[in-house]
Amino acid sequence: MTKIVFRKKGEDFVRIESQGHTGYAENGEDIVCAALSALMQGAALGILRVVGVKAEYRVNEEKGSFVLGIPSDLGEEQRHDCNVILKTLYLSVSDIQKGYSEYIEVEVK
């Protein structure tokens, strides 16, 4: 199972942590894991390269872990842009979770 934790400070998403493989299918055949990975990598690319934020970013494919942490010293525009990306990620992951709840757990803290 993949557990994804979205951490918030006030109304802002400030950190995403994901751990584990979904177990939906064999490695290389797991469409649920691939969908989650594509969404999270896309969000990371948007924040790092499009918005230009030097976020904490770590991935371990073997363990199935992903961390994306947003720095606290952002300007208003960058903070807004990061929130748009991360709120979209949250909605997208939550939508997938509805159809595959035995493979994905989503939590907001």
PDB file of N, CA and C in Angstrom:
ATOM      1  N   MET A   1       0.842  -1.184   0.000  1.00  0.00           N
ATOM      2  CA  MET A   1       0.000   0.000   0.000  1.00  0.00           C
ATOM      3  C   MET A   1       0.886   1.246   0.000  1.00  0.00           C
ATOM      4  N   THR A   2       0.416   2.258  -0.701  1.00  0.00           N
ATOM      5  CA  THR A   2       1.090   3.550  -0.704  1.00  0.00           C
ATOM      6  C   THR A   2       0.357   4.482   0.252  1.00  0.00           C
ATOM      7  N   LYS A   3       1.110   5.067   1.171  1.00  0.00           N
ATOM      8  CA  LYS A   3       0.549   6.051   2.094  1.00  0.00           C
ATOM      9  C   LYS A   3       1.099   7.415   1.703  1.00  0.00           C
ATOM     10  N   ILE A   4       0.190   8.373   1.464  1.00  0.00           N
ATOM     11  CA  ILE A   4       0.583   9.721   1.078  1.00  0.00           C
ATOM     12  C   ILE A   4       0.064  10.688   2.131  1.00  0.00           C
ATOM     13  N   VAL A   5       0.978  11.474   2.700  1.00  0.00           N
ATOM     14  CA  VAL A   5       0.618  12.455   3.720  1.00  0.00           C
ATOM     15  C   VAL A   5       0.868  13.849   3.157  1.00  0.00           C
ATOM     16  N   PHE A   6      -0.173  14.651   3.158  1.00  0.00           N
ATOM     17  CA  PHE A   6      -0.092  16.060   2.770  1.00  0.00           C
ATOM     18  C   PHE A   6      -0.064  16.867   4.059  1.00  0.00           C
ATOM     19  N   ARG A   7       0.992  17.600   4.286  1.00  0.00           N
ATOM     20  CA  ARG A   7       1.114  18.414   5.503  1.00  0.00           C
ATOM     21  C   ARG A   7       0.802  19.871   5.168  1.00  0.00           C
ATOM     22  N   LYS A   8       0.031  20.481   6.066  1.00  0.00           N
ATOM     23  CA  LYS A   8      -0.400  21.864   5.848  1.00  0.00           C
ATOM     24  C   LYS A   8       0.065  22.756   6.995  1.00  0.00           C
ATOM     25  N   LYS A   9       0.246  24.004   6.678  1.00  0.00           N
ATOM     26  CA  LYS A   9       0.440  25.054   7.675  1.00  0.00           C
ATOM     27  C   LYS A   9      -0.602  26.103   7.339  1.00  0.00           C
ATOM     28  N   GLY A  10      -1.606  26.206   8.171  1.00  0.00           N
ATOM     29  CA  GLY A  10      -2.744  27.058   7.849  1.00  0.00           C
ATOM     30  C   GLY A  10      -3.466  26.474   6.649  1.00  0.00           C
ATOM     31  N   GLU A  11      -3.645  27.272   5.622  1.00  0.00           N
ATOM     32  CA  GLU A  11      -4.301  26.814   4.398  1.00  0.00           C
ATOM     33  C   GLU A  11      -3.307  26.330   3.341  1.00  0.00           C
ATOM     34  N   ASP A  12      -2.017  26.454   3.625  1.00  0.00           N
ATOM     35  CA  ASP A  12      -0.986  26.132   2.642  1.00  0.00           C
ATOM     36  C   ASP A  12      -0.461  24.706   2.802  1.00  0.00           C
ATOM     37  N   PHE A  13      -0.367  23.985   1.696  1.00  0.00           N
ATOM     38  CA  PHE A  13       0.332  22.707   1.709  1.00  0.00           C
ATOM     39  C   PHE A  13       1.827  23.008   1.759  1.00  0.00           C
ATOM     40  N   VAL A  14       2.550  22.368   2.689  1.00  0.00           N
ATOM     41  CA  VAL A  14       3.974  22.667   2.866  1.00  0.00           C
ATOM     42  C   VAL A  14       4.876  21.447   2.673  1.00  0.00           C
ATOM     43  N   ARG A  15       4.289  20.253   2.651  1.00  0.00           N
ATOM     44  CA  ARG A  15       5.117  19.053   2.517  1.00  0.00           C
ATOM     45  C   ARG A  15       4.251  17.881   2.066  1.00  0.00           C
ATOM     46  N   ILE A  16       4.815  17.081   1.169  1.00  0.00           N
ATOM     47  CA  ILE A  16       4.163  15.860   0.716  1.00  0.00           C
ATOM     48  C   ILE A  16       5.133  14.720   0.987  1.00  0.00           C
ATOM     49  N   GLU A  17       4.642  13.662   1.624  1.00  0.00           N
ATOM     50  CA  GLU A  17       5.456  12.475   1.883  1.00  0.00           C
ATOM     51  C   GLU A  17       4.680  11.256   1.403  1.00  0.00           C
ATOM     52  N   SER A  18       5.332  10.436   0.624  1.00  0.00           N
ATOM     53  CA  SER A  18       4.708   9.217   0.132  1.00  0.00           C
ATOM     54  C   SER A  18       5.638   8.057   0.433  1.00  0.00           C
ATOM     55  N   GLN A  19       5.063   6.936   0.862  1.00  0.00           N
ATOM     56  CA  GLN A  19       5.871   5.776   1.222  1.00  0.00           C
ATOM     57  C   GLN A  19       5.173   4.501   0.762  1.00  0.00           C
ATOM     58  N   GLY A  20       5.923   3.623   0.132  1.00  0.00           N
ATOM     59  CA  GLY A  20       5.438   2.296  -0.209  1.00  0.00           C
ATOM     60  C   GLY A  20       4.924   2.169  -1.634  1.00  0.00           C
ATOM     61  N   HIS A  21       4.959   0.939  -2.107  1.00  0.00           N
ATOM     62  CA  HIS A  21       4.415   0.608  -3.417  1.00  0.00           C
ATOM     63  C   HIS A  21       2.963   0.171  -3.243  1.00  0.00           C
ATOM     64  N   THR A  22       2.140   0.437  -4.220  1.00  0.00           N
ATOM     65  CA  THR A  22       0.711   0.153  -4.071  1.00  0.00           C
ATOM     66  C   THR A  22       0.417  -1.338  -3.952  1.00  0.00           C
ATOM     67  N   GLY A  23       1.161  -2.161  -4.661  1.00  0.00           N
ATOM     68  CA  GLY A  23       0.888  -3.592  -4.627  1.00  0.00           C
ATOM     69  C   GLY A  23      -0.268  -4.003  -5.524  1.00  0.00           C
ATOM     70  N   TYR A  24      -0.694  -3.117  -6.390  1.00  0.00           N
ATOM     71  CA  TYR A  24      -1.800  -3.416  -7.298  1.00  0.00           C
ATOM     72  C   TYR A  24      -1.411  -4.495  -8.303  1.00  0.00           C
ATOM     73  N   ALA A  25      -0.166  -4.449  -8.788  1.00  0.00           N
ATOM     74  CA  ALA A  25       0.325  -5.423  -9.766  1.00  0.00           C
ATOM     75  C   ALA A  25       1.838  -5.553  -9.599  1.00  0.00           C
ATOM     76  N   GLU A  26       2.422  -6.432 -10.375  1.00  0.00           N
ATOM     77  CA  GLU A  26       3.867  -6.641 -10.337  1.00  0.00           C
ATOM     78  C   GLU A  26       4.602  -5.368 -10.746  1.00  0.00           C
ATOM     79  N   ASN A  27       5.825  -5.241 -10.266  1.00  0.00           N
ATOM     80  CA  ASN A  27       6.683  -4.114 -10.619  1.00  0.00           C
ATOM     81  C   ASN A  27       6.780  -3.999 -12.140  1.00  0.00           C
ATOM     82  N   GLY A  28       6.574  -2.813 -12.658  1.00  0.00           N
ATOM     83  CA  GLY A  28       6.585  -2.595 -14.097  1.00  0.00           C
ATOM     84  C   GLY A  28       5.225  -2.756 -14.751  1.00  0.00           C
ATOM     85  N   GLU A  29       4.264  -3.320 -14.020  1.00  0.00           N
ATOM     86  CA  GLU A  29       2.909  -3.524 -14.537  1.00  0.00           C
ATOM     87  C   GLU A  29       1.869  -2.772 -13.703  1.00  0.00           C
ATOM     88  N   ASP A  30       2.310  -2.101 -12.667  1.00  0.00           N
ATOM     89  CA  ASP A  30       1.411  -1.484 -11.696  1.00  0.00           C
ATOM     90  C   ASP A  30       0.952  -0.105 -12.176  1.00  0.00           C
ATOM     91  N   ILE A  31      -0.236  -0.060 -12.763  1.00  0.00           N
ATOM     92  CA  ILE A  31      -0.754   1.193 -13.313  1.00  0.00           C
ATOM     93  C   ILE A  31      -1.119   2.195 -12.225  1.00  0.00           C
ATOM     94  N   VAL A  32      -1.502   1.723 -11.044  1.00  0.00           N
ATOM     95  CA  VAL A  32      -1.858   2.626  -9.952  1.00  0.00           C
ATOM     96  C   VAL A  32      -0.605   3.335  -9.443  1.00  0.00           C
ATOM     97  N   CYS A  33       0.444   2.573  -9.229  1.00  0.00           N
ATOM     98  CA  CYS A  33       1.716   3.155  -8.783  1.00  0.00           C
ATOM     99  C   CYS A  33       2.266   4.116  -9.849  1.00  0.00           C
ATOM    100  N   ALA A  34       2.147   3.729 -11.093  1.00  0.00           N
ATOM    101  CA  ALA A  34       2.629   4.587 -12.183  1.00  0.00           C
ATOM    102  C   ALA A  34       1.854   5.901 -12.231  1.00  0.00           C
ATOM    103  N   ALA A  35       0.553   5.848 -12.025  1.00  0.00           N
ATOM    104  CA  ALA A  35      -0.261   7.065 -12.034  1.00  0.00           C
ATOM    105  C   ALA A  35       0.142   7.998 -10.891  1.00  0.00           C
ATOM    106  N   LEU A  36       0.291   7.440  -9.697  1.00  0.00           N
ATOM    107  CA  LEU A  36       0.707   8.251  -8.550  1.00  0.00           C
ATOM    108  C   LEU A  36       2.086   8.861  -8.779  1.00  0.00           C
ATOM    109  N   SER A  37       3.003   8.051  -9.278  1.00  0.00           N
ATOM    110  CA  SER A  37       4.361   8.544  -9.531  1.00  0.00           C
ATOM    111  C   SER A  37       4.366   9.675 -10.545  1.00  0.00           C
ATOM    112  N   ALA A  38       3.603   9.527 -11.606  1.00  0.00           N
ATOM    113  CA  ALA A  38       3.550  10.561 -12.639  1.00  0.00           C
ATOM    114  C   ALA A  38       2.981  11.865 -12.074  1.00  0.00           C
ATOM    115  N   LEU A  39       1.940  11.772 -11.263  1.00  0.00           N
ATOM    116  CA  LEU A  39       1.348  12.975 -10.672  1.00  0.00           C
ATOM    117  C   LEU A  39       2.329  13.671  -9.738  1.00  0.00           C
ATOM    118  N   MET A  40       2.990  12.902  -8.888  1.00  0.00           N
ATOM    119  CA  MET A  40       3.908  13.507  -7.917  1.00  0.00           C
ATOM    120  C   MET A  40       5.157  14.069  -8.589  1.00  0.00           C
ATOM    121  N   GLN A  41       5.667  13.371  -9.588  1.00  0.00           N
ATOM    122  CA  GLN A  41       6.822  13.884 -10.315  1.00  0.00           C
ATOM    123  C   GLN A  41       6.449  15.155 -11.077  1.00  0.00           C
ATOM    124  N   GLY A  42       5.256  15.184 -11.649  1.00  0.00           N
ATOM    125  CA  GLY A  42       4.794  16.375 -12.354  1.00  0.00           C
ATOM    126  C   GLY A  42       4.677  17.567 -11.419  1.00  0.00           C
ATOM    127  N   ALA A  43       4.155  17.341 -10.217  1.00  0.00           N
ATOM    128  CA  ALA A  43       4.057  18.420  -9.234  1.00  0.00           C
ATOM    129  C   ALA A  43       5.444  18.919  -8.837  1.00  0.00           C
ATOM    130  N   ALA A  44       6.368  17.989  -8.619  1.00  0.00           N
ATOM    131  CA  ALA A  44       7.739  18.372  -8.253  1.00  0.00           C
ATOM    132  C   ALA A  44       8.386  19.189  -9.368  1.00  0.00           C
ATOM    133  N   LEU A  45       8.224  18.761 -10.612  1.00  0.00           N
ATOM    134  CA  LEU A  45       8.789  19.509 -11.737  1.00  0.00           C
ATOM    135  C   LEU A  45       8.184  20.905 -11.833  1.00  0.00           C
ATOM    136  N   GLY A  46       6.890  21.004 -11.616  1.00  0.00           N
ATOM    137  CA  GLY A  46       6.233  22.312 -11.654  1.00  0.00           C
ATOM    138  C   GLY A  46       6.797  23.255 -10.607  1.00  0.00           C
ATOM    139  N   ILE A  47       6.984  22.750  -9.398  1.00  0.00           N
ATOM    140  CA  ILE A  47       7.492  23.588  -8.311  1.00  0.00           C
ATOM    141  C   ILE A  47       8.966  23.922  -8.511  1.00  0.00           C
ATOM    142  N   LEU A  48       9.768  22.914  -8.857  1.00  0.00           N
ATOM    143  CA  LEU A  48      11.207  23.125  -8.991  1.00  0.00           C
ATOM    144  C   LEU A  48      11.586  23.918 -10.240  1.00  0.00           C
ATOM    145  N   ARG A  49      10.975  23.587 -11.367  1.00  0.00           N
ATOM    146  CA  ARG A  49      11.420  24.174 -12.632  1.00  0.00           C
ATOM    147  C   ARG A  49      10.537  25.294 -13.166  1.00  0.00           C
ATOM    148  N   VAL A  50       9.243  25.182 -12.989  1.00  0.00           N
ATOM    149  CA  VAL A  50       8.352  26.218 -13.515  1.00  0.00           C
ATOM    150  C   VAL A  50       8.259  27.386 -12.532  1.00  0.00           C
ATOM    151  N   VAL A  51       7.961  27.079 -11.268  1.00  0.00           N
ATOM    152  CA  VAL A  51       7.859  28.120 -10.253  1.00  0.00           C
ATOM    153  C   VAL A  51       9.257  28.575  -9.813  1.00  0.00           C
ATOM    154  N   GLY A  52      10.230  27.680  -9.907  1.00  0.00           N
ATOM    155  CA  GLY A  52      11.604  28.039  -9.562  1.00  0.00           C
ATOM    156  C   GLY A  52      11.916  28.037  -8.078  1.00  0.00           C
ATOM    157  N   VAL A  53      11.222  27.195  -7.330  1.00  0.00           N
ATOM    158  CA  VAL A  53      11.434  27.100  -5.889  1.00  0.00           C
ATOM    159  C   VAL A  53      12.482  26.028  -5.604  1.00  0.00           C
ATOM    160  N   LYS A  54      13.404  26.344  -4.703  1.00  0.00           N
ATOM    161  CA  LYS A  54      14.419  25.373  -4.275  1.00  0.00           C
ATOM    162  C   LYS A  54      13.840  24.553  -3.125  1.00  0.00           C
ATOM    163  N   ALA A  55      12.966  23.644  -3.483  1.00  0.00           N
ATOM    164  CA  ALA A  55      12.269  22.813  -2.506  1.00  0.00           C
ATOM    165  C   ALA A  55      13.126  21.610  -2.121  1.00  0.00           C
ATOM    166  N   GLU A  56      12.848  21.068  -0.942  1.00  0.00           N
ATOM    167  CA  GLU A  56      13.430  19.779  -0.557  1.00  0.00           C
ATOM    168  C   GLU A  56      12.781  18.726  -1.447  1.00  0.00           C
ATOM    169  N   TYR A  57      13.580  17.882  -2.060  1.00  0.00           N
ATOM    170  CA  TYR A  57      13.040  16.888  -2.992  1.00  0.00           C
ATOM    171  C   TYR A  57      13.878  15.628  -2.901  1.00  0.00           C
ATOM    172  N   ARG A  58      13.240  14.522  -2.545  1.00  0.00           N
ATOM    173  CA  ARG A  58      13.927  13.229  -2.461  1.00  0.00           C
ATOM    174  C   ARG A  58      13.026  12.125  -3.000  1.00  0.00           C
ATOM    175  N   VAL A  59      13.628  11.228  -3.741  1.00  0.00           N
ATOM    176  CA  VAL A  59      12.915  10.064  -4.260  1.00  0.00           C
ATOM    177  C   VAL A  59      13.795   8.842  -4.055  1.00  0.00           C
ATOM    178  N   ASN A  60      13.183   7.742  -3.608  1.00  0.00           N
ATOM    179  CA  ASN A  60      13.868   6.460  -3.526  1.00  0.00           C
ATOM    180  C   ASN A  60      12.952   5.443  -4.197  1.00  0.00           C
ATOM    181  N   GLU A  61      13.261   5.107  -5.432  1.00  0.00           N
ATOM    182  CA  GLU A  61      12.396   4.208  -6.200  1.00  0.00           C
ATOM    183  C   GLU A  61      12.308   2.826  -5.583  1.00  0.00           C
ATOM    184  N   GLU A  62      13.410   2.336  -5.040  1.00  0.00           N
ATOM    185  CA  GLU A  62      13.427   0.995  -4.444  1.00  0.00           C
ATOM    186  C   GLU A  62      12.453   0.900  -3.268  1.00  0.00           C
ATOM    187  N   LYS A  63      12.465   1.905  -2.416  1.00  0.00           N
ATOM    188  CA  LYS A  63      11.574   1.923  -1.251  1.00  0.00           C
ATOM    189  C   LYS A  63      10.194   2.479  -1.587  1.00  0.00           C
ATOM    190  N   GLY A  64      10.083   3.122  -2.730  1.00  0.00           N
ATOM    191  CA  GLY A  64       8.816   3.744  -3.096  1.00  0.00           C
ATOM    192  C   GLY A  64       8.542   4.984  -2.268  1.00  0.00           C
ATOM    193  N   SER A  65       9.587   5.759  -1.989  1.00  0.00           N
ATOM    194  CA  SER A  65       9.381   6.948  -1.173  1.00  0.00           C
ATOM    195  C   SER A  65       9.597   8.225  -1.987  1.00  0.00           C
ATOM    196  N   PHE A  66       8.869   9.262  -1.577  1.00  0.00           N
ATOM    197  CA  PHE A  66       8.889  10.561  -2.245  1.00  0.00           C
ATOM    198  C   PHE A  66       8.665  11.622  -1.176  1.00  0.00           C
ATOM    199  N   VAL A  67       9.497  12.661  -1.191  1.00  0.00           N
ATOM    200  CA  VAL A  67       9.334  13.787  -0.272  1.00  0.00           C
ATOM    201  C   VAL A  67       9.481  15.075  -1.073  1.00  0.00           C
ATOM    202  N   LEU A  68       8.553  15.990  -0.861  1.00  0.00           N
ATOM    203  CA  LEU A  68       8.620  17.314  -1.463  1.00  0.00           C
ATOM    204  C   LEU A  68       8.254  18.321  -0.382  1.00  0.00           C
ATOM    205  N   GLY A  69       9.247  19.107   0.044  1.00  0.00           N
ATOM    206  CA  GLY A  69       9.025  20.088   1.103  1.00  0.00           C
ATOM    207  C   GLY A  69       9.190  21.498   0.577  1.00  0.00           C
ATOM    208  N   ILE A  70       8.224  22.338   0.867  1.00  0.00           N
ATOM    209  CA  ILE A  70       8.230  23.719   0.396  1.00  0.00           C
ATOM    210  C   ILE A  70       8.878  24.611   1.459  1.00  0.00           C
ATOM    211  N   PRO A  71       9.872  25.426   1.076  1.00  0.00           N
ATOM    212  CA  PRO A  71      10.501  26.308   2.067  1.00  0.00           C
ATOM    213  C   PRO A  71       9.516  27.346   2.611  1.00  0.00           C
ATOM    214  N   SER A  72       9.782  27.801   3.814  1.00  0.00           N
ATOM    215  CA  SER A  72       8.870  28.741   4.468  1.00  0.00           C
ATOM    216  C   SER A  72       9.108  30.198   4.062  1.00  0.00           C
ATOM    217  N   ASP A  73      10.220  30.477   3.381  1.00  0.00           N
ATOM    218  CA  ASP A  73      10.577  31.869   3.080  1.00  0.00           C
ATOM    219  C   ASP A  73      10.202  32.305   1.659  1.00  0.00           C
ATOM    220  N   LEU A  74       9.098  31.802   1.139  1.00  0.00           N
ATOM    221  CA  LEU A  74       8.683  32.154  -0.220  1.00  0.00           C
ATOM    222  C   LEU A  74       7.939  33.482  -0.247  1.00  0.00           C
ATOM    223  N   GLY A  75       8.026  34.150  -1.383  1.00  0.00           N
ATOM    224  CA  GLY A  75       7.214  35.336  -1.608  1.00  0.00           C
ATOM    225  C   GLY A  75       5.767  34.936  -1.860  1.00  0.00           C
ATOM    226  N   GLU A  76       4.904  35.920  -1.854  1.00  0.00           N
ATOM    227  CA  GLU A  76       3.466  35.662  -2.005  1.00  0.00           C
ATOM    228  C   GLU A  76       3.139  34.963  -3.330  1.00  0.00           C
ATOM    229  N   GLU A  77       3.763  35.388  -4.416  1.00  0.00           N
ATOM    230  CA  GLU A  77       3.471  34.797  -5.726  1.00  0.00           C
ATOM    231  C   GLU A  77       3.939  33.341  -5.805  1.00  0.00           C
ATOM    232  N   GLN A  78       5.145  33.067  -5.335  1.00  0.00           N
ATOM    233  CA  GLN A  78       5.638  31.685  -5.351  1.00  0.00           C
ATOM    234  C   GLN A  78       4.797  30.798  -4.428  1.00  0.00           C
ATOM    235  N   ARG A  79       4.429  31.307  -3.271  1.00  0.00           N
ATOM    236  CA  ARG A  79       3.590  30.539  -2.340  1.00  0.00           C
ATOM    237  C   ARG A  79       2.263  30.196  -3.011  1.00  0.00           C
ATOM    238  N   HIS A  80       1.659  31.176  -3.682  1.00  0.00           N
ATOM    239  CA  HIS A  80       0.396  30.949  -4.394  1.00  0.00           C
ATOM    240  C   HIS A  80       0.571  29.875  -5.461  1.00  0.00           C
ATOM    241  N   ASP A  81       1.614  29.993  -6.277  1.00  0.00           N
ATOM    242  CA  ASP A  81       1.845  29.033  -7.358  1.00  0.00           C
ATOM    243  C   ASP A  81       2.065  27.619  -6.816  1.00  0.00           C
ATOM    244  N   CYS A  82       2.837  27.500  -5.738  1.00  0.00           N
ATOM    245  CA  CYS A  82       3.050  26.186  -5.118  1.00  0.00           C
ATOM    246  C   CYS A  82       1.733  25.603  -4.617  1.00  0.00           C
ATOM    247  N   ASN A  83       0.901  26.450  -4.011  1.00  0.00           N
ATOM    248  CA  ASN A  83      -0.391  25.972  -3.516  1.00  0.00           C
ATOM    249  C   ASN A  83      -1.292  25.492  -4.636  1.00  0.00           C
ATOM    250  N   VAL A  84      -1.303  26.191  -5.743  1.00  0.00           N
ATOM    251  CA  VAL A  84      -2.122  25.749  -6.880  1.00  0.00           C
ATOM    252  C   VAL A  84      -1.674  24.356  -7.329  1.00  0.00           C
ATOM    253  N   ILE A  85      -0.374  24.165  -7.456  1.00  0.00           N
ATOM    254  CA  ILE A  85       0.164  22.867  -7.887  1.00  0.00           C
ATOM    255  C   ILE A  85      -0.156  21.787  -6.862  1.00  0.00           C
ATOM    256  N   LEU A  86       0.087  22.055  -5.584  1.00  0.00           N
ATOM    257  CA  LEU A  86      -0.097  21.026  -4.559  1.00  0.00           C
ATOM    258  C   LEU A  86      -1.566  20.735  -4.270  1.00  0.00           C
ATOM    259  N   LYS A  87      -2.432  21.715  -4.379  1.00  0.00           N
ATOM    260  CA  LYS A  87      -3.867  21.458  -4.231  1.00  0.00           C
ATOM    261  C   LYS A  87      -4.378  20.607  -5.397  1.00  0.00           C
ATOM    262  N   THR A  88      -3.853  20.870  -6.582  1.00  0.00           N
ATOM    263  CA  THR A  88      -4.209  20.048  -7.746  1.00  0.00           C
ATOM    264  C   THR A  88      -3.714  18.620  -7.555  1.00  0.00           C
ATOM    265  N   LEU A  89      -2.493  18.469  -7.048  1.00  0.00           N
ATOM    266  CA  LEU A  89      -1.960  17.136  -6.744  1.00  0.00           C
ATOM    267  C   LEU A  89      -2.851  16.426  -5.731  1.00  0.00           C
ATOM    268  N   TYR A  90      -3.220  17.118  -4.674  1.00  0.00           N
ATOM    269  CA  TYR A  90      -4.079  16.519  -3.656  1.00  0.00           C
ATOM    270  C   TYR A  90      -5.403  16.044  -4.253  1.00  0.00           C
ATOM    271  N   LEU A  91      -6.051  16.879  -5.047  1.00  0.00           N
ATOM    272  CA  LEU A  91      -7.320  16.491  -5.675  1.00  0.00           C
ATOM    273  C   LEU A  91      -7.148  15.300  -6.614  1.00  0.00           C
ATOM    274  N   SER A  92      -6.057  15.292  -7.364  1.00  0.00           N
ATOM    275  CA  SER A  92      -5.796  14.203  -8.308  1.00  0.00           C
ATOM    276  C   SER A  92      -5.544  12.883  -7.588  1.00  0.00           C
ATOM    277  N   VAL A  93      -4.703  12.916  -6.565  1.00  0.00           N
ATOM    278  CA  VAL A  93      -4.391  11.710  -5.795  1.00  0.00           C
ATOM    279  C   VAL A  93      -5.643  11.211  -5.072  1.00  0.00           C
ATOM    280  N   SER A  94      -6.426  12.126  -4.517  1.00  0.00           N
ATOM    281  CA  SER A  94      -7.659  11.744  -3.822  1.00  0.00           C
ATOM    282  C   SER A  94      -8.654  11.089  -4.773  1.00  0.00           C
ATOM    283  N   ASP A  95      -8.699  11.570  -6.007  1.00  0.00           N
ATOM    284  CA  ASP A  95      -9.592  10.984  -7.005  1.00  0.00           C
ATOM    285  C   ASP A  95      -9.179   9.544  -7.333  1.00  0.00           C
ATOM    286  N   ILE A  96      -7.885   9.313  -7.497  1.00  0.00           N
ATOM    287  CA  ILE A  96      -7.400   7.950  -7.747  1.00  0.00           C
ATOM    288  C   ILE A  96      -7.671   7.070  -6.533  1.00  0.00           C
ATOM    289  N   GLN A  97      -7.472   7.621  -5.347  1.00  0.00           N
ATOM    290  CA  GLN A  97      -7.673   6.856  -4.120  1.00  0.00           C
ATOM    291  C   GLN A  97      -9.108   6.347  -3.999  1.00  0.00           C
ATOM    292  N   LYS A  98     -10.068   7.105  -4.478  1.00  0.00           N
ATOM    293  CA  LYS A  98     -11.473   6.685  -4.411  1.00  0.00           C
ATOM    294  C   LYS A  98     -11.697   5.367  -5.149  1.00  0.00           C
ATOM    295  N   GLY A  99     -11.025   5.184  -6.267  1.00  0.00           N
ATOM    296  CA  GLY A  99     -11.194   3.960  -7.041  1.00  0.00           C
ATOM    297  C   GLY A  99     -10.294   2.807  -6.613  1.00  0.00           C
ATOM    298  N   TYR A 100      -9.249   3.120  -5.850  1.00  0.00           N
ATOM    299  CA  TYR A 100      -8.251   2.101  -5.467  1.00  0.00           C
ATOM    300  C   TYR A 100      -7.912   2.214  -3.986  1.00  0.00           C
ATOM    301  N   SER A 101      -8.935   2.337  -3.141  1.00  0.00           N
ATOM    302  CA  SER A 101      -8.727   2.607  -1.715  1.00  0.00           C
ATOM    303  C   SER A 101      -7.973   1.502  -0.985  1.00  0.00           C
ATOM    304  N   GLU A 102      -7.988   0.300  -1.503  1.00  0.00           N
ATOM    305  CA  GLU A 102      -7.245  -0.776  -0.832  1.00  0.00           C
ATOM    306  C   GLU A 102      -5.743  -0.704  -1.133  1.00  0.00           C
ATOM    307  N   TYR A 103      -5.353   0.185  -2.033  1.00  0.00           N
ATOM    308  CA  TYR A 103      -3.946   0.312  -2.430  1.00  0.00           C
ATOM    309  C   TYR A 103      -3.335   1.666  -2.071  1.00  0.00           C
ATOM    310  N   ILE A 104      -4.180   2.655  -1.742  1.00  0.00           N
ATOM    311  CA  ILE A 104      -3.715   4.010  -1.481  1.00  0.00           C
ATOM    312  C   ILE A 104      -4.394   4.566  -0.235  1.00  0.00           C
ATOM    313  N   GLU A 105      -3.596   5.158   0.647  1.00  0.00           N
ATOM    314  CA  GLU A 105      -4.132   5.871   1.802  1.00  0.00           C
ATOM    315  C   GLU A 105      -3.662   7.325   1.700  1.00  0.00           C
ATOM    316  N   VAL A 106      -4.606   8.255   1.827  1.00  0.00           N
ATOM    317  CA  VAL A 106      -4.289   9.681   1.745  1.00  0.00           C
ATOM    318  C   VAL A 106      -4.700  10.331   3.060  1.00  0.00           C
ATOM    319  N   GLU A 107      -3.787  11.129   3.602  1.00  0.00           N
ATOM    320  CA  GLU A 107      -4.039  11.808   4.876  1.00  0.00           C
ATOM    321  C   GLU A 107      -3.566  13.254   4.774  1.00  0.00           C
ATOM    322  N   VAL A 108      -4.307  14.155   5.422  1.00  0.00           N
ATOM    323  CA  VAL A 108      -3.905  15.553   5.520  1.00  0.00           C
ATOM    324  C   VAL A 108      -3.669  15.853   6.990  1.00  0.00           C
ATOM    325  N   LYS A 109      -2.501  16.407   7.277  1.00  0.00           N
ATOM    326  CA  LYS A 109      -2.147  16.757   8.669  1.00  0.00           C
ATOM    327  C   LYS A 109      -1.852  18.227   8.755  1.00  0.00           C
TER     328      LYS A 109
END
